[in-house]
């Protein structure tokens, strides 16, 4: 008897009109709550990194942790967390970025990236690209070089890729809308 695994896209729960009418919310929790879905997600992200020479994985809280740590572990690389302002205990560098309404600030430890280190950024989703753009600024401020950016899902209609022009970026799943 042949066992046929579902495609990763089949594990993503799509919720119409959330958080507002006309938006389709792509829920990643339905992916990680299933062992096969989680396996496909991590494998998909690792496949994006096939042949990429890098030293460290950087991921923002909280879903960048969920996907970045197992990839870093499997590929025997370090993992550096990017946190919301005030969550890291040592000296930090910080970057403010725009949200839909207002701004937010993220931070990294000042000693988390050494000059010349090759960095991969991993997160669950790219929408407008603002968070990732802020992470890039932090990494480059510390002297790191972004060699790849990997997302589980991309909402192409929000054009976040445009904000990251000039960087090598890929997504496991691409949705044409918002």
C-alpha atoms as a PDB file:
ATOM      1  CA  UNK A   1       0.000   0.000   0.000  1.00  0.00           C
ATOM      2  CA  UNK A   2       1.404   3.359  -1.055  1.00  0.00           C
ATOM      3  CA  UNK A   3       1.427   6.170   1.500  1.00  0.00           C
ATOM      4  CA  UNK A   4       0.830   9.571  -0.049  1.00  0.00           C
ATOM      5  CA  UNK A   5       1.775  12.599   2.034  1.00  0.00           C
ATOM      6  CA  UNK A   6      -0.234  15.751   1.653  1.00  0.00           C
ATOM      7  CA  UNK A   7       1.433  18.836   0.221  1.00  0.00           C
ATOM      8  CA  UNK A   8       2.491  21.517   2.699  1.00  0.00           C
ATOM      9  CA  UNK A   9      -0.152  23.920   1.377  1.00  0.00           C
ATOM     10  CA  UNK A  10      -2.849  21.488   2.515  1.00  0.00           C
ATOM     11  CA  UNK A  11      -1.767  21.961   6.159  1.00  0.00           C
ATOM     12  CA  UNK A  12      -2.203  25.749   6.056  1.00  0.00           C
ATOM     13  CA  UNK A  13      -5.615  26.774   7.345  1.00  0.00           C
ATOM     14  CA  UNK A  14      -7.025  29.750   5.405  1.00  0.00           C
ATOM     15  CA  UNK A  15      -9.453  31.919   7.361  1.00  0.00           C
ATOM     16  CA  UNK A  16     -11.471  34.374   5.241  1.00  0.00           C
ATOM     17  CA  UNK A  17     -12.218  37.918   6.449  1.00  0.00           C
ATOM     18  CA  UNK A  18      -9.688  37.881   9.318  1.00  0.00           C
ATOM     19  CA  UNK A  19      -8.545  40.234  10.763  1.00  0.00           C
ATOM     20  CA  UNK A  20     -10.798  42.275   8.464  1.00  0.00           C
ATOM     21  CA  UNK A  21     -13.153  41.758   5.532  1.00  0.00           C
ATOM     22  CA  UNK A  22     -11.383  40.892   2.284  1.00  0.00           C
ATOM     23  CA  UNK A  23      -8.279  39.447   3.967  1.00  0.00           C
ATOM     24  CA  UNK A  24      -7.491  35.733   3.949  1.00  0.00           C
ATOM     25  CA  UNK A  25      -5.493  34.885   7.084  1.00  0.00           C
ATOM     26  CA  UNK A  26      -2.953  32.093   6.482  1.00  0.00           C
ATOM     27  CA  UNK A  27      -2.710  30.229   9.797  1.00  0.00           C
ATOM     28  CA  UNK A  28       0.642  28.568  10.432  1.00  0.00           C
ATOM     29  CA  UNK A  29      -0.491  26.886  13.663  1.00  0.00           C
ATOM     30  CA  UNK A  30      -2.334  24.257  11.640  1.00  0.00           C
ATOM     31  CA  UNK A  31       1.012  23.384   9.998  1.00  0.00           C
ATOM     32  CA  UNK A  32       2.986  22.948  13.227  1.00  0.00           C
ATOM     33  CA  UNK A  33       0.192  21.102  15.039  1.00  0.00           C
ATOM     34  CA  UNK A  34       0.612  18.207  12.615  1.00  0.00           C
ATOM     35  CA  UNK A  35       3.824  16.147  12.680  1.00  0.00           C
ATOM     36  CA  UNK A  36       3.854  15.716   8.886  1.00  0.00           C
ATOM     37  CA  UNK A  37       3.072  19.395   8.314  1.00  0.00           C
ATOM     38  CA  UNK A  38       5.891  20.482  10.616  1.00  0.00           C
ATOM     39  CA  UNK A  39       8.272  18.062   8.918  1.00  0.00           C
ATOM     40  CA  UNK A  40       7.362  19.387   5.459  1.00  0.00           C
ATOM     41  CA  UNK A  41       7.774  22.990   6.633  1.00  0.00           C
ATOM     42  CA  UNK A  42      11.256  22.468   8.091  1.00  0.00           C
ATOM     43  CA  UNK A  43      12.345  20.381   5.087  1.00  0.00           C
ATOM     44  CA  UNK A  44      11.022  23.052   2.718  1.00  0.00           C
ATOM     45  CA  UNK A  45      13.007  25.790   4.455  1.00  0.00           C
ATOM     46  CA  UNK A  46      16.148  23.633   4.506  1.00  0.00           C
ATOM     47  CA  UNK A  47      15.730  22.943   0.780  1.00  0.00           C
ATOM     48  CA  UNK A  48      15.804  26.706   0.146  1.00  0.00           C
ATOM     49  CA  UNK A  49      19.196  26.759   1.892  1.00  0.00           C
ATOM     50  CA  UNK A  50      20.641  23.857  -0.101  1.00  0.00           C
ATOM     51  CA  UNK A  51      24.088  24.928  -1.328  1.00  0.00           C
ATOM     52  CA  UNK A  52      24.038  28.246   0.611  1.00  0.00           C
ATOM     53  CA  UNK A  53      27.248  28.937   2.569  1.00  0.00           C
ATOM     54  CA  UNK A  54      26.306  30.535   5.894  1.00  0.00           C
ATOM     55  CA  UNK A  55      27.372  30.730   9.543  1.00  0.00           C
ATOM     56  CA  UNK A  56      24.261  31.663  11.491  1.00  0.00           C
ATOM     57  CA  UNK A  57      20.454  31.649  11.320  1.00  0.00           C
ATOM     58  CA  UNK A  58      18.621  34.749  12.559  1.00  0.00           C
ATOM     59  CA  UNK A  59      14.908  34.612  13.350  1.00  0.00           C
ATOM     60  CA  UNK A  60      12.412  37.027  14.887  1.00  0.00           C
ATOM     61  CA  UNK A  61      10.134  36.077  17.752  1.00  0.00           C
ATOM     62  CA  UNK A  62       8.085  34.110  17.846  1.00  0.00           C
ATOM     63  CA  UNK A  63       7.516  32.185  14.640  1.00  0.00           C
ATOM     64  CA  UNK A  64      11.034  32.827  13.374  1.00  0.00           C
ATOM     65  CA  UNK A  65      12.143  30.886  16.467  1.00  0.00           C
ATOM     66  CA  UNK A  66       9.764  28.009  15.658  1.00  0.00           C
ATOM     67  CA  UNK A  67      11.153  27.551  12.154  1.00  0.00           C
ATOM     68  CA  UNK A  68      14.687  28.920  12.501  1.00  0.00           C
ATOM     69  CA  UNK A  69      15.884  26.832  15.448  1.00  0.00           C
ATOM     70  CA  UNK A  70      15.210  23.379  13.938  1.00  0.00           C
ATOM     71  CA  UNK A  71      16.823  24.443  10.663  1.00  0.00           C
ATOM     72  CA  UNK A  72      19.880  25.790  12.528  1.00  0.00           C
ATOM     73  CA  UNK A  73      20.042  22.598  14.601  1.00  0.00           C
ATOM     74  CA  UNK A  74      19.721  20.268  11.599  1.00  0.00           C
ATOM     75  CA  UNK A  75      22.356  22.199   9.645  1.00  0.00           C
ATOM     76  CA  UNK A  76      24.662  22.550  12.684  1.00  0.00           C
ATOM     77  CA  UNK A  77      24.567  26.359  12.707  1.00  0.00           C
ATOM     78  CA  UNK A  78      24.097  28.899  15.474  1.00  0.00           C
ATOM     79  CA  UNK A  79      20.744  30.614  16.009  1.00  0.00           C
ATOM     80  CA  UNK A  80      20.377  34.283  16.941  1.00  0.00           C
ATOM     81  CA  UNK A  81      17.028  35.533  18.250  1.00  0.00           C
ATOM     82  CA  UNK A  82      15.567  38.901  17.305  1.00  0.00           C
ATOM     83  CA  UNK A  83      13.252  40.075  20.082  1.00  0.00           C
ATOM     84  CA  UNK A  84      10.811  42.825  20.863  1.00  0.00           C
ATOM     85  CA  UNK A  85      12.330  45.809  22.672  1.00  0.00           C
ATOM     86  CA  UNK A  86      13.224  45.172  26.314  1.00  0.00           C
ATOM     87  CA  UNK A  87      13.303  41.350  26.181  1.00  0.00           C
ATOM     88  CA  UNK A  88      17.062  40.750  25.838  1.00  0.00           C
ATOM     89  CA  UNK A  89      19.256  40.915  28.980  1.00  0.00           C
ATOM     90  CA  UNK A  90      22.581  42.150  27.559  1.00  0.00           C
ATOM     91  CA  UNK A  91      23.635  45.199  25.541  1.00  0.00           C
ATOM     92  CA  UNK A  92      21.543  45.452  22.379  1.00  0.00           C
ATOM     93  CA  UNK A  93      21.212  47.218  19.052  1.00  0.00           C
ATOM     94  CA  UNK A  94      17.697  48.226  18.094  1.00  0.00           C
ATOM     95  CA  UNK A  95      15.726  49.139  15.001  1.00  0.00           C
ATOM     96  CA  UNK A  96      12.326  50.777  14.757  1.00  0.00           C
ATOM     97  CA  UNK A  97      10.029  49.884  11.864  1.00  0.00           C
ATOM     98  CA  UNK A  98       6.551  50.757  10.635  1.00  0.00           C
ATOM     99  CA  UNK A  99       3.496  48.660  11.398  1.00  0.00           C
ATOM    100  CA  UNK A 100       0.080  49.039   9.811  1.00  0.00           C
ATOM    101  CA  UNK A 101      -0.804  51.381  12.686  1.00  0.00           C
ATOM    102  CA  UNK A 102       2.208  52.885  14.445  1.00  0.00           C
ATOM    103  CA  UNK A 103       5.708  51.500  14.923  1.00  0.00           C
ATOM    104  CA  UNK A 104       7.526  48.699  16.724  1.00  0.00           C
ATOM    105  CA  UNK A 105      11.129  48.183  17.796  1.00  0.00           C
ATOM    106  CA  UNK A 106      13.163  44.987  17.601  1.00  0.00           C
ATOM    107  CA  UNK A 107      16.526  44.230  19.163  1.00  0.00           C
ATOM    108  CA  UNK A 108      19.484  41.871  18.929  1.00  0.00           C
ATOM    109  CA  UNK A 109      22.348  41.398  21.348  1.00  0.00           C
ATOM    110  CA  UNK A 110      25.238  43.609  20.282  1.00  0.00           C
ATOM    111  CA  UNK A 111      27.616  40.613  20.339  1.00  0.00           C
ATOM    112  CA  UNK A 112      25.296  38.173  18.510  1.00  0.00           C
ATOM    113  CA  UNK A 113      26.749  38.677  15.021  1.00  0.00           C
ATOM    114  CA  UNK A 114      30.456  39.029  14.364  1.00  0.00           C
ATOM    115  CA  UNK A 115      31.739  41.160  11.465  1.00  0.00           C
ATOM    116  CA  UNK A 116      31.933  39.096   8.282  1.00  0.00           C
ATOM    117  CA  UNK A 117      29.552  36.348   9.404  1.00  0.00           C
ATOM    118  CA  UNK A 118      27.245  35.054   6.682  1.00  0.00           C
ATOM    119  CA  UNK A 119      23.643  35.243   7.861  1.00  0.00           C
ATOM    120  CA  UNK A 120      20.404  33.542   6.848  1.00  0.00           C
ATOM    121  CA  UNK A 121      17.109  35.051   8.039  1.00  0.00           C
ATOM    122  CA  UNK A 122      14.205  32.636   8.560  1.00  0.00           C
ATOM    123  CA  UNK A 123      10.609  33.580   9.341  1.00  0.00           C
ATOM    124  CA  UNK A 124       7.152  32.116   8.831  1.00  0.00           C
ATOM    125  CA  UNK A 125       5.698  34.830   6.602  1.00  0.00           C
ATOM    126  CA  UNK A 126       6.559  37.803   4.459  1.00  0.00           C
ATOM    127  CA  UNK A 127       3.764  40.302   4.041  1.00  0.00           C
ATOM    128  CA  UNK A 128       4.926  43.929   3.681  1.00  0.00           C
ATOM    129  CA  UNK A 129       8.570  43.092   4.493  1.00  0.00           C
ATOM    130  CA  UNK A 130       8.948  45.684   7.269  1.00  0.00           C
ATOM    131  CA  UNK A 131      10.134  43.311   9.998  1.00  0.00           C
ATOM    132  CA  UNK A 132      12.658  41.635   7.712  1.00  0.00           C
ATOM    133  CA  UNK A 133      13.931  44.992   6.466  1.00  0.00           C
ATOM    134  CA  UNK A 134      14.535  46.004  10.113  1.00  0.00           C
ATOM    135  CA  UNK A 135      16.359  42.712  10.807  1.00  0.00           C
ATOM    136  CA  UNK A 136      18.596  43.287   7.766  1.00  0.00           C
ATOM    137  CA  UNK A 137      19.548  46.728   9.122  1.00  0.00           C
ATOM    138  CA  UNK A 138      20.446  45.227  12.518  1.00  0.00           C
ATOM    139  CA  UNK A 139      22.547  42.420  11.031  1.00  0.00           C
ATOM    140  CA  UNK A 140      24.392  44.798   8.706  1.00  0.00           C
ATOM    141  CA  UNK A 141      24.952  47.298  11.542  1.00  0.00           C
ATOM    142  CA  UNK A 142      26.769  44.498  13.386  1.00  0.00           C
ATOM    143  CA  UNK A 143      28.871  43.689  10.303  1.00  0.00           C
ATOM    144  CA  UNK A 144      27.017  40.562   9.160  1.00  0.00           C
ATOM    145  CA  UNK A 145      26.293  39.773   5.521  1.00  0.00           C
ATOM    146  CA  UNK A 146      22.817  38.534   4.546  1.00  0.00           C
ATOM    147  CA  UNK A 147      23.289  35.620   2.154  1.00  0.00           C
ATOM    148  CA  UNK A 148      19.688  34.302   2.054  1.00  0.00           C
ATOM    149  CA  UNK A 149      16.228  35.075   3.402  1.00  0.00           C
ATOM    150  CA  UNK A 150      13.784  32.164   3.684  1.00  0.00           C
ATOM    151  CA  UNK A 151      10.078  32.285   4.456  1.00  0.00           C
ATOM    152  CA  UNK A 152       7.564  29.508   4.853  1.00  0.00           C
ATOM    153  CA  UNK A 153       4.833  31.636   3.224  1.00  0.00           C
ATOM    154  CA  UNK A 154       4.744  34.745   1.062  1.00  0.00           C
ATOM    155  CA  UNK A 155       1.748  37.004   0.454  1.00  0.00           C
ATOM    156  CA  UNK A 156       2.797  38.275  -2.975  1.00  0.00           C
ATOM    157  CA  UNK A 157      -0.011  40.854  -3.177  1.00  0.00           C
ATOM    158  CA  UNK A 158       1.557  42.883  -0.341  1.00  0.00           C
ATOM    159  CA  UNK A 159       4.816  43.297  -2.326  1.00  0.00           C
ATOM    160  CA  UNK A 160       7.174  42.692   0.612  1.00  0.00           C
ATOM    161  CA  UNK A 161       9.686  41.249  -1.847  1.00  0.00           C
ATOM    162  CA  UNK A 162      10.118  44.757  -3.309  1.00  0.00           C
ATOM    163  CA  UNK A 163      11.406  46.039   0.065  1.00  0.00           C
ATOM    164  CA  UNK A 164      14.032  43.280   0.058  1.00  0.00           C
ATOM    165  CA  UNK A 165      15.273  43.884  -3.495  1.00  0.00           C
ATOM    166  CA  UNK A 166      18.958  43.133  -3.786  1.00  0.00           C
ATOM    167  CA  UNK A 167      18.797  40.213  -1.332  1.00  0.00           C
ATOM    168  CA  UNK A 168      18.442  36.543  -2.225  1.00  0.00           C
ATOM    169  CA  UNK A 169      14.997  35.544  -0.968  1.00  0.00           C
ATOM    170  CA  UNK A 170      12.705  32.570  -1.391  1.00  0.00           C
ATOM    171  CA  UNK A 171       9.472  31.183   0.040  1.00  0.00           C
ATOM    172  CA  UNK A 172       8.237  27.610   0.349  1.00  0.00           C
ATOM    173  CA  UNK A 173       4.612  28.628  -0.411  1.00  0.00           C
ATOM    174  CA  UNK A 174       3.554  31.693  -2.416  1.00  0.00           C
ATOM    175  CA  UNK A 175       0.026  33.099  -2.254  1.00  0.00           C
ATOM    176  CA  UNK A 176      -0.861  35.594  -5.010  1.00  0.00           C
ATOM    177  CA  UNK A 177      -3.174  37.746  -2.832  1.00  0.00           C
ATOM    178  CA  UNK A 178      -2.910  39.569   0.458  1.00  0.00           C
END
